[in-house]
Amino acid sequence: MADRLTQRARRLRLAIFDVDGVMTDGTLWIGPRGEVMKAFNILDGHGLKLLQKAGIDTAIISGRKSSAVARRARELSIAHVIQGTGDDKVPAFEGLLGKAGVREDACSFMGDDIQDLAVMSRCGLAVAPVNAVDEVKAAAHYVTRAHGGRGAIREFCELVLRAQRR
């Protein structure tokens, strides 16, 4: 692991994730009654639990609002869930910092699309899954080998845990 990346990962106290394209593969299933369904990766979920066990707080900031996300967040004991922000996630990020009592350099954000860039640029560790748009990958300190919804979060969690020797 590159030295600067390791240093960034060692400072991490709050890991923040986008949902569509990060926690999921970005596919939305819409049922006949308009209900939206999403698929979450069980390995990613276990990675989040490992981060929490190591004392790292977890959070979601998502532009969309979904009952499936709320349910999955409850199942995973994700402490901070902010949905329905639209494209401007910065106010939610700033509020989250105050609520969680952490500095920007102790946060990570994993995003996949251009609306995530503003928050990524303020975090100590910006992460993108390999399926992110090019601008996001270029702005990231780390780009996963795995796709969003297909192990990217687990890969990131393991990187952090190794860096923190946990």
N, C-alpha and C. Protein backbone atom coordinates (compact mmCIF):
# COMPACT_ATOMS: atom_id res chain seq x y z
N MET A 1 0.85 -1.17 0.00
CA MET A 1 0.00 0.00 0.00
C MET A 1 0.90 1.24 0.00
N ALA A 2 0.62 2.19 -0.85
CA ALA A 2 1.42 3.39 -0.95
C ALA A 2 1.42 4.13 0.39
N ASP A 3 2.56 4.71 0.73
CA ASP A 3 2.73 5.36 2.02
C ASP A 3 1.70 6.44 2.32
N ARG A 4 1.42 7.31 1.36
CA ARG A 4 0.44 8.39 1.59
C ARG A 4 -0.97 7.82 1.77
N LEU A 5 -1.29 6.81 1.01
CA LEU A 5 -2.61 6.16 1.15
C LEU A 5 -2.74 5.54 2.53
N THR A 6 -1.69 4.89 3.00
CA THR A 6 -1.70 4.28 4.33
C THR A 6 -1.91 5.34 5.40
N GLN A 7 -1.23 6.47 5.27
CA GLN A 7 -1.39 7.56 6.24
C GLN A 7 -2.83 8.07 6.26
N ARG A 8 -3.41 8.23 5.09
CA ARG A 8 -4.80 8.69 5.02
C ARG A 8 -5.74 7.68 5.68
N ALA A 9 -5.52 6.40 5.40
CA ALA A 9 -6.37 5.35 5.95
C ALA A 9 -6.20 5.23 7.47
N ARG A 10 -5.02 5.50 7.97
CA ARG A 10 -4.79 5.41 9.43
C ARG A 10 -5.55 6.49 10.19
N ARG A 11 -5.79 7.64 9.56
CA ARG A 11 -6.51 8.75 10.22
C ARG A 11 -8.02 8.55 10.23
N LEU A 12 -8.51 7.58 9.48
CA LEU A 12 -9.94 7.43 9.26
C LEU A 12 -10.71 7.12 10.55
N ARG A 13 -11.76 7.91 10.81
CA ARG A 13 -12.65 7.69 11.95
C ARG A 13 -14.11 7.62 11.51
N LEU A 14 -14.39 8.10 10.28
CA LEU A 14 -15.76 8.10 9.76
C LEU A 14 -15.70 7.75 8.28
N ALA A 15 -16.34 6.65 7.90
CA ALA A 15 -16.40 6.20 6.51
C ALA A 15 -17.80 6.48 5.97
N ILE A 16 -17.88 7.29 4.92
CA ILE A 16 -19.16 7.71 4.35
C ILE A 16 -19.29 7.12 2.95
N PHE A 17 -20.49 6.67 2.62
CA PHE A 17 -20.72 6.01 1.34
C PHE A 17 -21.94 6.58 0.63
N ASP A 18 -21.82 6.73 -0.69
CA ASP A 18 -22.96 6.94 -1.56
C ASP A 18 -23.64 5.58 -1.66
N VAL A 19 -24.83 5.54 -2.24
CA VAL A 19 -25.53 4.26 -2.35
C VAL A 19 -25.49 3.72 -3.78
N ASP A 20 -26.22 4.36 -4.70
CA ASP A 20 -26.36 3.83 -6.06
C ASP A 20 -25.02 3.90 -6.80
N GLY A 21 -24.52 2.74 -7.19
CA GLY A 21 -23.24 2.65 -7.86
C GLY A 21 -22.09 2.38 -6.92
N VAL A 22 -22.34 2.43 -5.61
CA VAL A 22 -21.31 2.16 -4.60
C VAL A 22 -21.75 0.99 -3.72
N MET A 23 -22.85 1.18 -2.97
CA MET A 23 -23.38 0.09 -2.16
C MET A 23 -24.17 -0.89 -3.04
N THR A 24 -24.62 -0.41 -4.20
CA THR A 24 -25.30 -1.26 -5.18
C THR A 24 -24.55 -1.14 -6.51
N ASP A 25 -24.93 -1.94 -7.47
CA ASP A 25 -24.28 -1.83 -8.78
C ASP A 25 -24.88 -0.71 -9.63
N GLY A 26 -25.81 0.04 -9.06
CA GLY A 26 -26.41 1.16 -9.77
C GLY A 26 -27.70 0.81 -10.49
N THR A 27 -28.06 -0.46 -10.48
CA THR A 27 -29.30 -0.88 -11.13
C THR A 27 -30.48 -0.61 -10.19
N LEU A 28 -31.55 -0.06 -10.74
CA LEU A 28 -32.79 0.11 -9.99
C LEU A 28 -33.84 -0.79 -10.62
N TRP A 29 -34.45 -1.63 -9.82
CA TRP A 29 -35.58 -2.44 -10.28
C TRP A 29 -36.84 -1.72 -9.85
N ILE A 30 -37.73 -1.48 -10.77
CA ILE A 30 -38.98 -0.81 -10.45
C ILE A 30 -40.12 -1.78 -10.72
N GLY A 31 -40.85 -2.09 -9.65
CA GLY A 31 -41.94 -3.06 -9.73
C GLY A 31 -43.19 -2.45 -10.35
N PRO A 32 -44.20 -3.28 -10.58
CA PRO A 32 -45.42 -2.84 -11.27
C PRO A 32 -46.20 -1.76 -10.50
N ARG A 33 -45.98 -1.67 -9.20
CA ARG A 33 -46.67 -0.65 -8.39
C ARG A 33 -45.77 0.55 -8.13
N GLY A 34 -44.63 0.60 -8.82
CA GLY A 34 -43.70 1.71 -8.67
C GLY A 34 -42.69 1.54 -7.55
N GLU A 35 -42.72 0.40 -6.90
CA GLU A 35 -41.77 0.16 -5.81
C GLU A 35 -40.37 -0.03 -6.39
N VAL A 36 -39.39 0.54 -5.70
CA VAL A 36 -38.00 0.46 -6.15
C VAL A 36 -37.28 -0.57 -5.30
N MET A 37 -36.56 -1.47 -5.96
CA MET A 37 -35.79 -2.49 -5.27
C MET A 37 -34.33 -2.35 -5.64
N LYS A 38 -33.46 -2.67 -4.68
CA LYS A 38 -32.02 -2.58 -4.86
C LYS A 38 -31.39 -3.85 -4.31
N ALA A 39 -30.27 -4.23 -4.87
CA ALA A 39 -29.53 -5.40 -4.39
C ALA A 39 -28.25 -4.94 -3.71
N PHE A 40 -28.00 -5.47 -2.52
CA PHE A 40 -26.81 -5.13 -1.73
C PHE A 40 -25.94 -6.38 -1.60
N ASN A 41 -24.63 -6.17 -1.59
CA ASN A 41 -23.67 -7.26 -1.51
C ASN A 41 -23.41 -7.62 -0.04
N ILE A 42 -23.55 -8.88 0.30
CA ILE A 42 -23.38 -9.34 1.68
C ILE A 42 -21.94 -9.17 2.16
N LEU A 43 -20.96 -9.32 1.27
CA LEU A 43 -19.56 -9.14 1.66
C LEU A 43 -19.27 -7.68 2.00
N ASP A 44 -19.87 -6.76 1.24
CA ASP A 44 -19.74 -5.34 1.56
C ASP A 44 -20.32 -5.07 2.95
N GLY A 45 -21.47 -5.65 3.22
CA GLY A 45 -22.11 -5.46 4.53
C GLY A 45 -21.23 -5.95 5.66
N HIS A 46 -20.60 -7.09 5.47
CA HIS A 46 -19.71 -7.61 6.51
C HIS A 46 -18.51 -6.70 6.69
N GLY A 47 -18.01 -6.14 5.59
CA GLY A 47 -16.90 -5.19 5.69
C GLY A 47 -17.27 -3.98 6.54
N LEU A 48 -18.48 -3.48 6.36
CA LEU A 48 -18.94 -2.35 7.17
C LEU A 48 -19.00 -2.72 8.64
N LYS A 49 -19.47 -3.93 8.93
CA LYS A 49 -19.52 -4.38 10.32
C LYS A 49 -18.10 -4.48 10.92
N LEU A 50 -17.14 -4.93 10.10
CA LEU A 50 -15.75 -5.00 10.57
C LEU A 50 -15.20 -3.62 10.89
N LEU A 51 -15.51 -2.63 10.05
CA LEU A 51 -15.09 -1.25 10.33
C LEU A 51 -15.67 -0.78 11.66
N GLN A 52 -16.96 -1.02 11.84
CA GLN A 52 -17.62 -0.60 13.08
C GLN A 52 -16.99 -1.27 14.30
N LYS A 53 -16.69 -2.54 14.17
CA LYS A 53 -16.07 -3.29 15.27
C LYS A 53 -14.70 -2.71 15.62
N ALA A 54 -14.03 -2.14 14.61
CA ALA A 54 -12.72 -1.53 14.82
C ALA A 54 -12.83 -0.09 15.32
N GLY A 55 -14.06 0.39 15.55
CA GLY A 55 -14.26 1.72 16.10
C GLY A 55 -14.41 2.82 15.07
N ILE A 56 -14.61 2.46 13.82
CA ILE A 56 -14.80 3.45 12.76
C ILE A 56 -16.29 3.60 12.50
N ASP A 57 -16.77 4.82 12.60
CA ASP A 57 -18.17 5.13 12.40
C ASP A 57 -18.50 5.03 10.91
N THR A 58 -19.73 4.67 10.58
CA THR A 58 -20.14 4.55 9.18
C THR A 58 -21.35 5.43 8.91
N ALA A 59 -21.45 5.88 7.65
CA ALA A 59 -22.53 6.79 7.28
C ALA A 59 -22.87 6.63 5.81
N ILE A 60 -24.08 7.05 5.48
CA ILE A 60 -24.57 7.09 4.10
C ILE A 60 -25.01 8.52 3.80
N ILE A 61 -24.59 9.03 2.66
CA ILE A 61 -25.17 10.26 2.12
C ILE A 61 -25.59 9.92 0.70
N SER A 62 -26.89 9.98 0.44
CA SER A 62 -27.42 9.59 -0.86
C SER A 62 -28.35 10.67 -1.41
N GLY A 63 -28.22 10.92 -2.67
CA GLY A 63 -29.09 11.89 -3.33
C GLY A 63 -30.53 11.43 -3.43
N ARG A 64 -30.72 10.13 -3.55
CA ARG A 64 -32.07 9.55 -3.64
C ARG A 64 -32.55 9.12 -2.27
N LYS A 65 -33.84 8.94 -2.14
CA LYS A 65 -34.44 8.44 -0.90
C LYS A 65 -35.06 7.08 -1.19
N SER A 66 -34.79 6.11 -0.34
CA SER A 66 -35.26 4.76 -0.57
C SER A 66 -35.50 4.04 0.75
N SER A 67 -36.65 3.39 0.85
CA SER A 67 -36.93 2.59 2.05
C SER A 67 -36.01 1.38 2.12
N ALA A 68 -35.57 0.87 0.96
CA ALA A 68 -34.64 -0.26 0.94
C ALA A 68 -33.31 0.14 1.57
N VAL A 69 -32.85 1.35 1.31
CA VAL A 69 -31.60 1.84 1.89
C VAL A 69 -31.76 2.01 3.40
N ALA A 70 -32.89 2.57 3.82
CA ALA A 70 -33.12 2.75 5.26
C ALA A 70 -33.11 1.39 5.97
N ARG A 71 -33.74 0.41 5.36
CA ARG A 71 -33.79 -0.92 5.97
C ARG A 71 -32.40 -1.55 6.04
N ARG A 72 -31.65 -1.48 4.94
CA ARG A 72 -30.30 -2.07 4.91
C ARG A 72 -29.39 -1.35 5.92
N ALA A 73 -29.53 -0.05 6.04
CA ALA A 73 -28.72 0.70 7.00
C ALA A 73 -29.03 0.26 8.43
N ARG A 74 -30.30 0.03 8.72
CA ARG A 74 -30.67 -0.47 10.06
C ARG A 74 -30.07 -1.85 10.31
N GLU A 75 -30.16 -2.73 9.31
CA GLU A 75 -29.60 -4.07 9.44
C GLU A 75 -28.10 -4.03 9.74
N LEU A 76 -27.42 -3.05 9.14
CA LEU A 76 -25.96 -2.95 9.29
C LEU A 76 -25.54 -2.02 10.42
N SER A 77 -26.49 -1.48 11.16
CA SER A 77 -26.20 -0.54 12.25
C SER A 77 -25.38 0.66 11.79
N ILE A 78 -25.67 1.15 10.60
CA ILE A 78 -25.00 2.35 10.10
C ILE A 78 -25.55 3.54 10.89
N ALA A 79 -24.66 4.24 11.56
CA ALA A 79 -25.06 5.26 12.54
C ALA A 79 -25.73 6.48 11.92
N HIS A 80 -25.27 6.90 10.77
CA HIS A 80 -25.75 8.14 10.17
C HIS A 80 -26.26 7.86 8.76
N VAL A 81 -27.53 8.12 8.52
CA VAL A 81 -28.13 7.87 7.21
C VAL A 81 -28.83 9.15 6.76
N ILE A 82 -28.30 9.74 5.70
CA ILE A 82 -28.86 10.97 5.15
C ILE A 82 -29.25 10.67 3.70
N GLN A 83 -30.54 10.75 3.43
CA GLN A 83 -31.05 10.46 2.09
C GLN A 83 -31.81 11.66 1.53
N GLY A 84 -31.94 11.68 0.22
CA GLY A 84 -32.74 12.70 -0.44
C GLY A 84 -32.06 14.05 -0.53
N THR A 85 -30.75 14.07 -0.62
CA THR A 85 -30.01 15.33 -0.68
C THR A 85 -30.06 15.97 -2.07
N GLY A 86 -30.42 15.19 -3.07
CA GLY A 86 -30.29 15.69 -4.44
C GLY A 86 -28.82 15.70 -4.82
N ASP A 87 -28.46 16.55 -5.75
CA ASP A 87 -27.08 16.57 -6.23
C ASP A 87 -26.11 17.27 -5.30
N ASP A 88 -26.57 18.15 -4.41
CA ASP A 88 -25.68 18.88 -3.51
C ASP A 88 -25.60 18.18 -2.16
N LYS A 89 -24.55 17.40 -1.98
CA LYS A 89 -24.37 16.62 -0.76
C LYS A 89 -23.54 17.34 0.29
N VAL A 90 -22.98 18.50 -0.05
CA VAL A 90 -22.09 19.21 0.86
C VAL A 90 -22.78 19.64 2.15
N PRO A 91 -23.98 20.24 2.12
CA PRO A 91 -24.61 20.59 3.40
C PRO A 91 -24.82 19.38 4.31
N ALA A 92 -25.19 18.26 3.75
CA ALA A 92 -25.36 17.04 4.55
C ALA A 92 -24.02 16.60 5.14
N PHE A 93 -22.97 16.69 4.35
CA PHE A 93 -21.62 16.33 4.81
C PHE A 93 -21.19 17.24 5.96
N GLU A 94 -21.40 18.53 5.81
CA GLU A 94 -21.00 19.46 6.86
C GLU A 94 -21.78 19.20 8.15
N GLY A 95 -23.07 18.94 8.02
CA GLY A 95 -23.87 18.61 9.20
C GLY A 95 -23.41 17.33 9.86
N LEU A 96 -23.06 16.36 9.05
CA LEU A 96 -22.59 15.07 9.56
C LEU A 96 -21.28 15.23 10.34
N LEU A 97 -20.37 16.05 9.83
CA LEU A 97 -19.11 16.28 10.54
C LEU A 97 -19.37 16.80 11.95
N GLY A 98 -20.27 17.78 12.06
CA GLY A 98 -20.59 18.33 13.37
C GLY A 98 -21.23 17.31 14.28
N LYS A 99 -22.18 16.56 13.74
CA LYS A 99 -22.89 15.55 14.53
C LYS A 99 -21.95 14.44 15.00
N ALA A 100 -21.05 14.00 14.12
CA ALA A 100 -20.13 12.91 14.45
C ALA A 100 -18.91 13.40 15.22
N GLY A 101 -18.66 14.71 15.19
CA GLY A 101 -17.52 15.26 15.91
C GLY A 101 -16.18 14.87 15.32
N VAL A 102 -16.09 14.83 13.99
CA VAL A 102 -14.83 14.49 13.33
C VAL A 102 -14.43 15.58 12.35
N ARG A 103 -13.15 15.65 12.07
CA ARG A 103 -12.63 16.61 11.09
C ARG A 103 -12.67 15.98 9.70
N GLU A 104 -12.60 16.83 8.69
CA GLU A 104 -12.63 16.36 7.30
C GLU A 104 -11.52 15.36 7.00
N ASP A 105 -10.32 15.59 7.54
CA ASP A 105 -9.20 14.71 7.22
C ASP A 105 -9.33 13.33 7.86
N ALA A 106 -10.29 13.17 8.76
CA ALA A 106 -10.54 11.86 9.39
C ALA A 106 -11.73 11.15 8.76
N CYS A 107 -12.20 11.68 7.62
CA CYS A 107 -13.35 11.10 6.91
C CYS A 107 -12.92 10.52 5.57
N SER A 108 -13.67 9.53 5.14
CA SER A 108 -13.55 9.06 3.76
C SER A 108 -14.93 9.18 3.12
N PHE A 109 -14.93 9.27 1.81
CA PHE A 109 -16.19 9.22 1.07
C PHE A 109 -15.95 8.39 -0.17
N MET A 110 -16.83 7.40 -0.39
CA MET A 110 -16.78 6.61 -1.62
C MET A 110 -17.95 7.02 -2.48
N GLY A 111 -17.63 7.54 -3.66
CA GLY A 111 -18.65 7.96 -4.60
C GLY A 111 -18.31 7.51 -6.00
N ASP A 112 -19.30 7.60 -6.89
CA ASP A 112 -19.10 7.09 -8.25
C ASP A 112 -19.47 8.07 -9.36
N ASP A 113 -20.10 9.19 -9.03
CA ASP A 113 -20.56 10.09 -10.09
C ASP A 113 -20.22 11.53 -9.74
N ILE A 114 -20.39 12.43 -10.69
CA ILE A 114 -19.91 13.80 -10.54
C ILE A 114 -20.52 14.54 -9.35
N GLN A 115 -21.72 14.22 -8.95
CA GLN A 115 -22.31 14.88 -7.79
C GLN A 115 -21.60 14.52 -6.49
N ASP A 116 -20.72 13.54 -6.52
CA ASP A 116 -19.96 13.14 -5.34
C ASP A 116 -18.63 13.88 -5.21
N LEU A 117 -18.21 14.55 -6.26
CA LEU A 117 -16.89 15.19 -6.28
C LEU A 117 -16.71 16.24 -5.19
N ALA A 118 -17.72 17.05 -4.93
CA ALA A 118 -17.58 18.13 -3.95
C ALA A 118 -17.28 17.58 -2.55
N VAL A 119 -17.93 16.50 -2.17
CA VAL A 119 -17.66 15.90 -0.87
C VAL A 119 -16.32 15.17 -0.90
N MET A 120 -16.06 14.45 -1.95
CA MET A 120 -14.78 13.72 -2.06
C MET A 120 -13.59 14.66 -1.91
N SER A 121 -13.69 15.84 -2.49
CA SER A 121 -12.57 16.79 -2.46
C SER A 121 -12.29 17.32 -1.06
N ARG A 122 -13.24 17.17 -0.15
CA ARG A 122 -13.07 17.68 1.21
C ARG A 122 -12.64 16.61 2.20
N CYS A 123 -12.66 15.36 1.79
CA CYS A 123 -12.34 14.26 2.70
C CYS A 123 -10.86 13.93 2.69
N GLY A 124 -10.40 13.40 3.80
CA GLY A 124 -9.02 12.95 3.89
C GLY A 124 -8.73 11.77 3.01
N LEU A 125 -9.75 10.97 2.70
CA LEU A 125 -9.57 9.78 1.86
C LEU A 125 -10.76 9.66 0.91
N ALA A 126 -10.53 10.01 -0.34
CA ALA A 126 -11.56 9.92 -1.37
C ALA A 126 -11.39 8.60 -2.11
N VAL A 127 -12.49 7.87 -2.26
CA VAL A 127 -12.44 6.52 -2.83
C VAL A 127 -13.50 6.41 -3.93
N ALA A 128 -13.16 5.67 -4.97
CA ALA A 128 -14.11 5.42 -6.06
C ALA A 128 -14.06 3.95 -6.45
N PRO A 129 -15.21 3.36 -6.72
CA PRO A 129 -15.18 2.00 -7.29
C PRO A 129 -14.71 2.09 -8.74
N VAL A 130 -14.21 1.01 -9.25
CA VAL A 130 -13.65 1.00 -10.60
C VAL A 130 -14.69 1.37 -11.67
N ASN A 131 -15.96 1.20 -11.38
CA ASN A 131 -17.01 1.53 -12.34
C ASN A 131 -17.45 3.00 -12.26
N ALA A 132 -16.78 3.81 -11.45
CA ALA A 132 -17.11 5.23 -11.35
C ALA A 132 -16.79 5.95 -12.66
N VAL A 133 -17.39 7.12 -12.84
CA VAL A 133 -17.07 7.92 -14.02
C VAL A 133 -15.61 8.40 -13.92
N ASP A 134 -15.02 8.68 -15.06
CA ASP A 134 -13.59 9.02 -15.12
C ASP A 134 -13.21 10.18 -14.22
N GLU A 135 -14.02 11.23 -14.16
CA GLU A 135 -13.70 12.39 -13.33
C GLU A 135 -13.60 12.02 -11.85
N VAL A 136 -14.44 11.13 -11.42
CA VAL A 136 -14.42 10.69 -10.02
C VAL A 136 -13.19 9.83 -9.76
N LYS A 137 -12.89 8.93 -10.65
CA LYS A 137 -11.69 8.10 -10.48
C LYS A 137 -10.43 8.97 -10.44
N ALA A 138 -10.39 10.01 -11.27
CA ALA A 138 -9.23 10.90 -11.30
C ALA A 138 -9.08 11.67 -9.98
N ALA A 139 -10.17 11.96 -9.31
CA ALA A 139 -10.14 12.71 -8.06
C ALA A 139 -9.90 11.83 -6.83
N ALA A 140 -10.01 10.54 -6.99
CA ALA A 140 -9.91 9.61 -5.85
C ALA A 140 -8.46 9.37 -5.44
N HIS A 141 -8.26 9.18 -4.15
CA HIS A 141 -6.96 8.75 -3.64
C HIS A 141 -6.79 7.25 -3.86
N TYR A 142 -7.91 6.55 -3.95
CA TYR A 142 -7.88 5.10 -4.16
C TYR A 142 -9.06 4.69 -5.03
N VAL A 143 -8.79 3.89 -6.03
CA VAL A 143 -9.82 3.32 -6.90
C VAL A 143 -9.80 1.81 -6.67
N THR A 144 -10.93 1.28 -6.29
CA THR A 144 -11.00 -0.16 -6.01
C THR A 144 -10.87 -0.97 -7.29
N ARG A 145 -10.50 -2.22 -7.15
CA ARG A 145 -10.50 -3.15 -8.28
C ARG A 145 -11.90 -3.70 -8.51
N ALA A 146 -12.67 -3.76 -7.43
CA ALA A 146 -14.03 -4.30 -7.49
C ALA A 146 -15.02 -3.19 -7.89
N HIS A 147 -16.11 -3.60 -8.49
CA HIS A 147 -17.18 -2.69 -8.87
C HIS A 147 -18.07 -2.37 -7.68
N GLY A 148 -18.76 -1.23 -7.77
CA GLY A 148 -19.76 -0.89 -6.77
C GLY A 148 -20.82 -1.97 -6.71
N GLY A 149 -21.23 -2.33 -5.50
CA GLY A 149 -22.23 -3.38 -5.33
C GLY A 149 -21.69 -4.77 -5.57
N ARG A 150 -20.41 -4.87 -5.85
CA ARG A 150 -19.77 -6.16 -6.15
C ARG A 150 -18.46 -6.33 -5.39
N GLY A 151 -18.41 -5.78 -4.17
CA GLY A 151 -17.23 -5.97 -3.33
C GLY A 151 -16.34 -4.74 -3.18
N ALA A 152 -16.68 -3.61 -3.79
CA ALA A 152 -15.84 -2.41 -3.67
C ALA A 152 -15.74 -1.93 -2.22
N ILE A 153 -16.86 -1.96 -1.51
CA ILE A 153 -16.84 -1.51 -0.12
C ILE A 153 -16.00 -2.46 0.73
N ARG A 154 -16.14 -3.74 0.54
CA ARG A 154 -15.34 -4.71 1.30
C ARG A 154 -13.86 -4.50 1.05
N GLU A 155 -13.49 -4.28 -0.21
CA GLU A 155 -12.09 -4.03 -0.56
C GLU A 155 -11.56 -2.80 0.19
N PHE A 156 -12.35 -1.74 0.19
CA PHE A 156 -11.97 -0.52 0.89
C PHE A 156 -11.84 -0.77 2.40
N CYS A 157 -12.80 -1.47 2.99
CA CYS A 157 -12.77 -1.76 4.42
C CYS A 157 -11.51 -2.54 4.79
N GLU A 158 -11.16 -3.51 4.00
CA GLU A 158 -9.96 -4.30 4.28
C GLU A 158 -8.70 -3.45 4.16
N LEU A 159 -8.66 -2.53 3.19
CA LEU A 159 -7.53 -1.62 3.05
C LEU A 159 -7.36 -0.80 4.33
N VAL A 160 -8.45 -0.25 4.83
CA VAL A 160 -8.41 0.58 6.05
C VAL A 160 -7.98 -0.26 7.25
N LEU A 161 -8.56 -1.42 7.40
CA LEU A 161 -8.22 -2.27 8.54
C LEU A 161 -6.76 -2.69 8.52
N ARG A 162 -6.23 -3.00 7.33
CA ARG A 162 -4.79 -3.32 7.22
C ARG A 162 -3.95 -2.11 7.59
N ALA A 163 -4.30 -0.94 7.10
CA ALA A 163 -3.54 0.28 7.39
C ALA A 163 -3.54 0.57 8.88
N GLN A 164 -4.65 0.30 9.54
CA GLN A 164 -4.76 0.57 10.98
C GLN A 164 -4.31 -0.63 11.82
N ARG A 165 -3.84 -1.65 11.14
CA ARG A 165 -3.32 -2.87 11.80
C ARG A 165 -4.37 -3.51 12.72
N ARG A 166 -5.60 -3.65 12.18
CA ARG A 166 -6.70 -4.23 12.97
C ARG A 166 -7.20 -5.48 12.30
